[in-house]
Every structure is written in C-alpha cells, then in structure tokens.
Amino acid sequence: MDSLTHLALGSAIGIVVMRGRTAPWKAALVGAACNTLPDLDIFMNHGDAVSNVTMHRGDSHALFWLTLISPAVALVAASLFRDLAQYRRWWLMVWLALIAHPLLDAFTIYGTQIARPFTDKPYGIGSIFIIDPLYTLPLIIGVIVALSLRNTKGWRWAAGGLFFSTLYLAVGVLIQSHVTRLAQDALHAQGVNADHLLVTPTAFNSVLWRIVAVTPDRYLEGFHSILDRDRNIAFDSHPRGTQLYDAMRDNLSVARVVWWTHGLFKVAERNGRIVVTDLRMGQEPYYSFNFVVGQRQSPSIVAVTPTAFREQHGLREGVSWLWRRMLGEKLAPPR
C-alpha cells in the first residue's frame, strides 16, 4: 500500500494498543514509524531493475524477521520516552505495527514474501488496489480525532477507524470471490480454458474489477463492475509472445519475472528490444512494470542488463473511462 496508508495504519494501531498509557502522539509516532519501516528496503539496489522490483517486499516484509526485531525496537521506543515500566505494552504495539504492514501488503497484487526465510514465495491476494481512499480515510479520520481529543477515550476513534478499514478489506475479498465466479462462468461459456486467472480491482476502488485469463499462447482482458446490469463479460484477446519467451526462457531475469508474476506475463518485441511485462499491474496497453531484457541482433537475441520503463496514458481520459465504467456503462477501455 502507499506510504500515507501505512502511516495512518501504524498510528491507529499505536493509539489503540497504548490506550492512554502514554501520550497519544507518542503512540501514534512510534506506530507510524514501525508500520513504515519495512518499506525502507526500496532504497536498496540489488543490481538491476528486475532484481530491485522483485526483491522489494522481501526480507524486510517477513513476519519472522519483523517478530525477531520487535523486542529491540520496542526497547528503543520505551527508552526514548523513559517508559520502561510499560515495556511489554510497547513491545506488543511495536510488533503489531510491524507485522500489520506486510499483512496488509499481501492483500494487494504486487507480491509480498511474508514467509521468508522459510520460503520466498510472493503472496498477493489482489483484493485491494495499492491506493484506495475508502480504506485509508477511516484510519486518517480516527487518528486525527484521537489526537485532537484531550481525554482518555480518544483511542476509541482510532479503534473505529481500524474497524471500518478492516471491514472494507473483508468486503473486498468477498467481492473478489463473487467476480471470480462470474469470470469463470463467462470463460467457460466462451470455451476458454485458462492456465491462470487474475481478478483484481482497478485503480482507487473496489467497484470495477479487471480480469485477466492466461492461456498458453494468449491472454484475455475483461472488466466487470458490481453495478453492471448483467453478468456478461466481454474479453479482448492479445498474444503473449510465446515464441519470444521460448527464445528467452533460460534468461535469469525473464525467469524471475515469470516466478514473481505467477505466470501472468507477456513478452513482446519493440523496435528491436525484447520486453517482458507484468500483466497484473495496469491494463492493456499501459502497464506499470515493463523490463527490457534483450536486444534483437538478427537473427539472434542478445541478453542485456534489465532496465525498466512505465507506459504513460492520458490521465483525464483514463479517469473519465474509469468513472463511467464503474457506474456500469459498457465502454471499451482507452487505448
């Protein structure tokens, strides 16, 4: 999730766990810092664009390692505020604020390696977009009111924010399950046998959902709004670049993208450059993660150090389409 959400989530956890045992601003400050701490790995350089993207949310997001460091972080916080008498409460708060970060991230589609060092499998439920105001706003409101009130019951506002944001998270999982069933029925009716199926919300909402079905040589993209008047889902079909993938299969960077995306990728040639794309984040033809992994030197392909680029689209046109499609208007996506 975005940094503002993590700050708000950590602050709410801090205020609720400490419950007036220390000044609310102290609890909010430590909680916000702890919930932000795992994302500091973004400043680490792992050598190339693919490694940097796929190793983000790695060890720093592992529940085991965060649990292991929580006593030391709590000791620092309690010592800083000269409150060692309540060390155990600080420890509980710090631990919850730390592990809440990767647990929330696991609900996005990016992929979070929460089970390291036992496995490096990236988990991504994909039931919430990485920025969703309806999740974040209750947290912000609860924290602001809790910090503004000058009594011992202000923490209840932060608790209310946590309750409503968590409820929204749960509702997103239920909607995702519903849309997944609709997508499976639609694909079956169209005679499509998908190897991989992705159902994830579009930007900033849980109303309009994007569906990607991957077959051995193609991928299909469709959209469904919970405000649609029917269950019909239209899909656009696109080539995956199977032959190019076969030529680059042994490339370590390509293999890592395949692992990271759980098979939801495509390979294409653009002006002599071989590009592998993560199909999970973005929508056709605008994707967040594209990696140049090879260069055509006819007739062969030469591997290159991976570089990343993001495809830009018209913001106004995209927002207009998103809003109208959310409301159930059957529109073709902007290209």
Protein backbone atom coordinates (compact mmCIF):
# COMPACT_ATOMS: atom_id res chain seq x y z
CA MET A 1 0.00 0.00 0.00
CA ASP A 2 1.01 3.65 -0.26
CA SER A 3 3.06 5.41 2.42
CA LEU A 4 0.17 7.54 3.71
CA THR A 5 -1.88 4.41 4.38
CA HIS A 6 0.96 2.79 6.30
CA LEU A 7 1.47 5.93 8.38
CA ALA A 8 -2.23 6.07 9.22
CA LEU A 9 -2.48 2.33 9.95
CA GLY A 10 0.57 2.36 12.23
CA SER A 11 -0.66 5.45 14.07
CA ALA A 12 -4.09 3.89 14.67
CA ILE A 13 -2.53 0.67 15.97
CA GLY A 14 -0.23 2.64 18.27
CA ILE A 15 -3.05 4.70 19.77
CA VAL A 16 -5.37 1.72 20.25
CA VAL A 17 -2.79 -0.60 21.82
CA MET A 18 -1.40 2.01 24.22
CA ARG A 19 -4.91 3.28 25.17
CA GLY A 20 -3.87 6.32 27.14
CA ARG A 21 -0.92 4.63 28.87
CA THR A 22 1.23 7.22 27.15
CA ALA A 23 0.52 10.43 25.27
CA PRO A 24 -1.43 9.58 22.09
CA TRP A 25 1.06 11.46 19.93
CA LYS A 26 3.89 9.27 21.22
CA ALA A 27 1.97 6.09 20.46
CA ALA A 28 0.99 7.41 17.03
CA LEU A 29 4.55 8.43 16.22
CA VAL A 30 6.08 5.07 17.11
CA GLY A 31 3.28 3.13 15.44
CA ALA A 32 3.62 5.14 12.22
CA ALA A 33 7.39 4.67 12.19
CA CYS A 34 7.12 0.91 12.73
CA ASN A 35 4.47 0.46 10.06
CA THR A 36 6.64 2.39 7.60
CA LEU A 37 9.92 0.65 8.48
CA PRO A 38 9.54 -2.40 6.18
CA ASP A 39 9.37 -0.21 3.06
CA LEU A 40 12.85 1.20 3.64
CA ASP A 41 14.11 -1.70 1.52
CA ILE A 42 13.06 0.33 -1.51
CA PHE A 43 16.33 2.25 -1.13
CA MET A 44 18.41 -0.91 -1.60
CA ASN A 45 19.99 -1.50 -5.01
CA HIS A 46 20.13 -5.17 -5.99
CA GLY A 47 21.98 -4.58 -9.27
CA ASP A 48 19.28 -4.35 -11.96
CA ALA A 49 15.68 -3.31 -12.49
CA VAL A 50 14.18 -6.81 -12.29
CA SER A 51 16.00 -7.64 -9.06
CA ASN A 52 15.06 -4.31 -7.49
CA VAL A 53 11.36 -4.79 -8.21
CA THR A 54 11.11 -8.49 -7.37
CA MET A 55 13.20 -8.28 -4.18
CA HIS A 56 11.15 -5.39 -2.78
CA ARG A 57 8.83 -6.74 -0.08
CA GLY A 58 11.36 -9.47 0.66
CA ASP A 59 13.17 -9.98 3.98
CA SER A 60 12.01 -6.61 5.31
CA HIS A 61 8.41 -7.83 4.98
CA ALA A 62 8.96 -11.27 6.51
CA LEU A 63 6.82 -11.92 9.58
CA PHE A 64 9.63 -13.97 11.14
CA TRP A 65 12.28 -11.26 10.89
CA LEU A 66 9.92 -8.50 11.98
CA THR A 67 8.90 -10.53 15.02
CA LEU A 68 12.57 -11.13 15.80
CA ILE A 69 13.49 -7.42 15.80
CA SER A 70 10.36 -6.20 17.59
CA PRO A 71 11.78 -6.54 21.16
CA ALA A 72 14.78 -4.36 20.27
CA VAL A 73 12.65 -1.73 18.51
CA ALA A 74 10.27 -1.66 21.48
CA LEU A 75 13.19 -1.22 23.87
CA VAL A 76 14.38 1.79 21.87
CA ALA A 77 10.89 3.33 21.91
CA ALA A 78 10.31 2.72 25.61
CA SER A 79 13.75 4.07 26.47
CA LEU A 80 13.28 7.12 24.28
CA PHE A 81 10.15 8.10 26.19
CA ARG A 82 11.55 6.91 29.57
CA ASP A 83 8.73 4.43 29.94
CA LEU A 84 10.47 1.09 30.54
CA ALA A 85 7.89 0.20 33.17
CA GLN A 86 5.45 -0.43 30.29
CA TYR A 87 7.96 -2.22 28.09
CA ARG A 88 5.68 -5.22 27.45
CA ARG A 89 2.90 -2.96 26.19
CA TRP A 90 5.35 -1.11 23.94
CA TRP A 91 6.57 -4.48 22.66
CA LEU A 92 3.02 -5.58 21.78
CA MET A 93 2.32 -2.31 19.99
CA VAL A 94 5.58 -2.34 18.04
CA TRP A 95 5.09 -5.97 16.98
CA LEU A 96 1.54 -5.38 15.77
CA ALA A 97 2.53 -2.22 13.91
CA LEU A 98 5.44 -4.02 12.23
CA ILE A 99 3.59 -7.13 11.07
CA ALA A 100 0.46 -5.21 10.02
CA HIS A 101 2.50 -3.71 7.17
CA PRO A 102 3.26 -6.94 5.26
CA LEU A 103 -0.11 -8.46 6.13
CA LEU A 104 -1.87 -5.51 4.52
CA ASP A 105 0.52 -5.56 1.55
CA ALA A 106 -0.35 -9.21 0.98
CA PHE A 107 -3.89 -8.13 0.08
CA THR A 108 -2.51 -6.21 -2.92
CA ILE A 109 -1.39 -7.96 -6.11
CA TYR A 110 2.27 -6.89 -6.08
CA GLY A 111 3.54 -9.88 -4.12
CA THR A 112 4.82 -9.95 -0.54
CA GLN A 113 7.30 -12.55 0.69
CA ILE A 114 5.86 -12.76 4.19
CA ALA A 115 7.07 -16.32 4.87
CA ARG A 116 10.82 -15.74 4.48
CA PRO A 117 13.24 -17.28 5.37
CA PHE A 118 11.23 -20.50 5.05
CA THR A 119 10.02 -19.75 1.52
CA ASP A 120 10.47 -16.85 -0.87
CA LYS A 121 7.04 -17.35 -2.45
CA PRO A 122 5.43 -13.92 -3.06
CA TYR A 123 1.86 -13.81 -1.77
CA GLY A 124 -0.60 -11.42 -3.38
CA ILE A 125 -4.35 -11.82 -2.86
CA GLY A 126 -5.11 -8.86 -5.09
CA SER A 127 -8.38 -7.86 -3.42
CA ILE A 128 -7.45 -4.19 -2.93
CA PHE A 129 -5.67 -1.66 -5.11
CA ILE A 130 -2.37 -0.28 -3.77
CA ILE A 131 -4.07 3.10 -3.20
CA ASP A 132 -7.68 3.02 -2.05
CA PRO A 133 -9.13 6.11 -0.31
CA LEU A 134 -12.04 4.16 1.17
CA TYR A 135 -9.57 2.04 3.12
CA THR A 136 -7.32 4.90 4.19
CA LEU A 137 -9.82 7.64 5.09
CA PRO A 138 -11.35 5.91 8.15
CA LEU A 139 -7.85 5.45 9.55
CA ILE A 140 -6.91 9.09 8.97
CA ILE A 141 -10.15 10.39 10.49
CA GLY A 142 -9.84 8.11 13.52
CA VAL A 143 -6.25 9.14 14.18
CA ILE A 144 -6.90 12.87 13.75
CA VAL A 145 -9.86 12.83 16.14
CA ALA A 146 -7.99 10.67 18.66
CA LEU A 147 -5.07 13.09 18.67
CA SER A 148 -7.40 16.09 18.94
CA LEU A 149 -9.38 14.89 21.95
CA ARG A 150 -7.92 15.66 25.34
CA ASN A 151 -9.32 12.67 27.21
CA THR A 152 -8.51 9.01 27.74
CA LYS A 153 -11.26 7.77 25.41
CA GLY A 154 -9.91 9.27 22.22
CA TRP A 155 -8.41 5.90 21.31
CA ARG A 156 -11.93 4.68 20.52
CA TRP A 157 -11.93 6.84 17.40
CA ALA A 158 -8.73 5.19 16.22
CA ALA A 159 -10.29 1.80 17.00
CA GLY A 160 -13.32 2.78 14.92
CA GLY A 161 -11.07 3.69 12.03
CA LEU A 162 -9.36 0.31 12.28
CA PHE A 163 -12.73 -1.43 12.40
CA PHE A 164 -14.13 0.23 9.29
CA SER A 165 -10.92 -0.12 7.27
CA THR A 166 -10.69 -3.81 8.19
CA LEU A 167 -14.37 -4.30 7.32
CA TYR A 168 -13.73 -2.68 3.93
CA LEU A 169 -10.80 -5.06 3.40
CA ALA A 170 -13.03 -8.05 4.16
CA VAL A 171 -15.76 -6.79 1.82
CA GLY A 172 -13.15 -6.53 -0.95
CA VAL A 173 -12.28 -10.21 -0.51
CA LEU A 174 -15.95 -11.16 -0.77
CA ILE A 175 -16.46 -9.06 -3.91
CA GLN A 176 -13.33 -10.56 -5.46
CA SER A 177 -14.68 -14.06 -4.82
CA HIS A 178 -18.00 -13.11 -6.43
CA VAL A 179 -16.39 -11.60 -9.53
CA THR A 180 -14.06 -14.60 -9.81
CA ARG A 181 -17.06 -16.92 -10.06
CA LEU A 182 -18.63 -14.69 -12.71
CA ALA A 183 -15.37 -14.65 -14.67
CA GLN A 184 -15.02 -18.43 -14.50
CA ASP A 185 -18.58 -18.87 -15.76
CA ALA A 186 -18.03 -16.37 -18.58
CA LEU A 187 -14.78 -18.01 -19.69
CA HIS A 188 -16.36 -21.46 -19.58
CA ALA A 189 -19.29 -20.22 -21.70
CA GLN A 190 -16.80 -18.86 -24.25
CA GLY A 191 -14.84 -22.11 -24.35
CA VAL A 192 -11.70 -20.65 -22.75
CA ASN A 193 -9.59 -22.93 -20.56
CA ALA A 194 -7.29 -20.58 -18.66
CA ASP A 195 -4.00 -21.63 -17.09
CA HIS A 196 -4.01 -18.54 -14.85
CA LEU A 197 -6.84 -16.25 -13.81
CA LEU A 198 -6.43 -12.82 -12.24
CA VAL A 199 -9.31 -10.86 -10.70
CA THR A 200 -8.25 -7.57 -9.13
CA PRO A 201 -9.78 -4.10 -8.63
CA THR A 202 -8.97 -1.20 -10.89
CA ALA A 203 -7.40 1.98 -9.53
CA PHE A 204 -8.69 3.56 -6.30
CA ASN A 205 -11.86 1.48 -5.89
CA SER A 206 -13.45 -1.91 -5.27
CA VAL A 207 -16.37 -1.43 -7.66
CA LEU A 208 -14.76 -2.05 -11.06
CA TRP A 209 -12.68 -5.20 -11.41
CA ARG A 210 -10.16 -6.22 -14.04
CA ILE A 211 -10.00 -9.83 -15.19
CA VAL A 212 -7.03 -11.42 -16.96
CA ALA A 213 -7.14 -15.01 -18.20
CA VAL A 214 -3.92 -16.53 -19.49
CA THR A 215 -3.77 -19.41 -21.97
CA PRO A 216 -0.58 -20.98 -23.36
CA ASP A 217 -0.32 -18.50 -26.24
CA ARG A 218 -2.71 -15.62 -25.43
CA TYR A 219 -4.18 -13.58 -22.61
CA LEU A 220 -7.68 -12.19 -22.40
CA GLU A 221 -8.64 -9.00 -20.58
CA GLY A 222 -12.11 -8.03 -19.43
CA PHE A 223 -13.83 -5.80 -16.87
CA HIS A 224 -16.80 -6.18 -14.57
CA SER A 225 -18.43 -3.58 -12.34
CA ILE A 226 -20.58 -4.69 -9.45
CA LEU A 227 -23.01 -2.06 -10.79
CA ASP A 228 -23.29 -3.81 -14.18
CA ARG A 229 -26.84 -4.77 -15.03
CA ASP A 230 -25.86 -8.16 -16.43
CA ARG A 231 -23.25 -10.85 -15.84
CA ASN A 232 -21.85 -10.84 -19.36
CA ILE A 233 -18.13 -10.15 -19.51
CA ALA A 234 -16.53 -9.24 -22.83
CA PHE A 235 -12.87 -10.13 -23.30
CA ASP A 236 -10.23 -8.73 -25.62
CA SER A 237 -7.60 -11.25 -26.72
CA HIS A 238 -3.88 -10.47 -27.06
CA PRO A 239 -0.80 -12.56 -27.97
CA ARG A 240 1.61 -13.44 -25.15
CA GLY A 241 4.72 -13.65 -27.33
CA THR A 242 5.19 -17.38 -26.84
CA GLN A 243 7.97 -17.72 -29.40
CA LEU A 244 9.93 -14.84 -27.92
CA TYR A 245 9.50 -16.32 -24.47
CA ASP A 246 10.82 -19.67 -25.69
CA ALA A 247 13.89 -17.88 -27.03
CA MET A 248 14.44 -16.10 -23.69
CA ARG A 249 13.27 -18.85 -21.35
CA ASP A 250 16.75 -19.50 -19.93
CA ASN A 251 17.38 -15.83 -19.19
CA LEU A 252 17.54 -15.40 -15.39
CA SER A 253 15.72 -12.07 -15.43
CA VAL A 254 12.88 -13.46 -17.53
CA ALA A 255 12.64 -16.50 -15.27
CA ARG A 256 12.45 -14.23 -12.23
CA VAL A 257 9.61 -12.19 -13.73
CA VAL A 258 7.74 -15.41 -14.55
CA TRP A 259 8.15 -16.55 -10.93
CA TRP A 260 7.21 -13.15 -9.50
CA THR A 261 4.06 -12.79 -11.62
CA HIS A 262 2.90 -16.40 -11.15
CA GLY A 263 2.81 -16.78 -14.93
CA LEU A 264 0.87 -13.55 -15.60
CA PHE A 265 3.31 -12.02 -18.07
CA LYS A 266 3.83 -11.33 -21.76
CA VAL A 267 6.90 -10.94 -23.97
CA ALA A 268 7.00 -8.57 -26.93
CA GLU A 269 9.48 -7.03 -29.34
CA ARG A 270 9.53 -3.24 -29.62
CA ASN A 271 11.94 -1.56 -32.00
CA GLY A 272 14.36 -4.43 -31.69
CA ARG A 273 14.12 -4.57 -27.89
CA ILE A 274 12.71 -7.64 -26.13
CA VAL A 275 10.37 -6.57 -23.35
CA VAL A 276 8.81 -8.74 -20.65
CA THR A 277 5.74 -7.23 -18.96
CA ASP A 278 3.91 -7.92 -15.71
CA LEU A 279 0.24 -8.26 -16.67
CA ARG A 280 -1.04 -7.83 -13.12
CA MET A 281 -0.49 -4.10 -12.59
CA GLY A 282 -2.04 -1.76 -15.13
CA GLN A 283 -4.26 -2.59 -18.06
CA GLU A 284 -3.81 -3.05 -21.79
CA PRO A 285 -1.69 -1.44 -23.15
CA TYR A 286 -0.48 0.59 -20.14
CA TYR A 287 1.46 -1.42 -17.58
CA SER A 288 3.44 -0.39 -14.52
CA PHE A 289 6.29 -2.87 -14.93
CA ASN A 290 7.98 -3.45 -18.27
CA PHE A 291 11.56 -4.72 -18.47
CA VAL A 292 13.89 -4.63 -21.46
CA VAL A 293 15.75 -7.93 -21.20
CA GLY A 294 17.14 -8.46 -24.71
CA GLN A 295 18.18 -6.84 -27.98
CA ARG A 296 17.48 -8.22 -31.45
CA GLN A 297 20.66 -8.85 -33.41
CA SER A 298 19.10 -10.64 -36.35
CA PRO A 299 18.50 -13.47 -36.36
CA SER A 300 19.53 -13.99 -32.73
CA ILE A 301 18.63 -12.20 -29.49
CA VAL A 302 21.29 -10.94 -27.10
CA ALA A 303 20.50 -10.61 -23.40
CA VAL A 304 21.05 -7.17 -21.83
CA THR A 305 21.08 -5.84 -18.28
CA PRO A 306 17.39 -5.33 -17.48
CA THR A 307 16.04 -1.80 -17.48
CA ALA A 308 12.52 -0.74 -16.56
CA PHE A 309 10.03 1.70 -18.03
CA ARG A 310 6.40 2.58 -17.44
CA GLU A 311 3.91 3.27 -20.19
CA GLN A 312 2.05 6.56 -19.80
CA HIS A 313 -1.55 7.21 -20.71
CA GLY A 314 -3.85 10.22 -20.78
CA LEU A 315 -4.91 10.81 -17.17
CA ARG A 316 -8.09 12.70 -17.99
CA GLU A 317 -9.26 10.10 -20.49
CA GLY A 318 -8.41 7.28 -18.11
CA VAL A 319 -10.24 8.80 -15.15
CA SER A 320 -13.29 9.53 -17.29
CA TRP A 321 -13.41 5.94 -18.55
CA LEU A 322 -12.86 4.55 -15.05
CA TRP A 323 -15.71 6.56 -13.55
CA ARG A 324 -18.19 5.80 -16.32
CA ARG A 325 -17.27 2.10 -16.40
CA MET A 326 -17.58 1.86 -12.61
CA LEU A 327 -21.15 3.10 -12.88
CA GLY A 328 -22.00 0.25 -15.23
CA GLU A 329 -21.64 1.88 -18.64
CA LYS A 330 -20.21 -0.72 -21.05
CA LEU A 331 -17.31 1.14 -22.60
CA ALA A 332 -14.22 -0.14 -24.36
CA PRO A 333 -11.09 0.69 -22.30
CA PRO A 334 -8.90 3.56 -23.52
CA ARG A 335 -6.08 2.51 -25.85
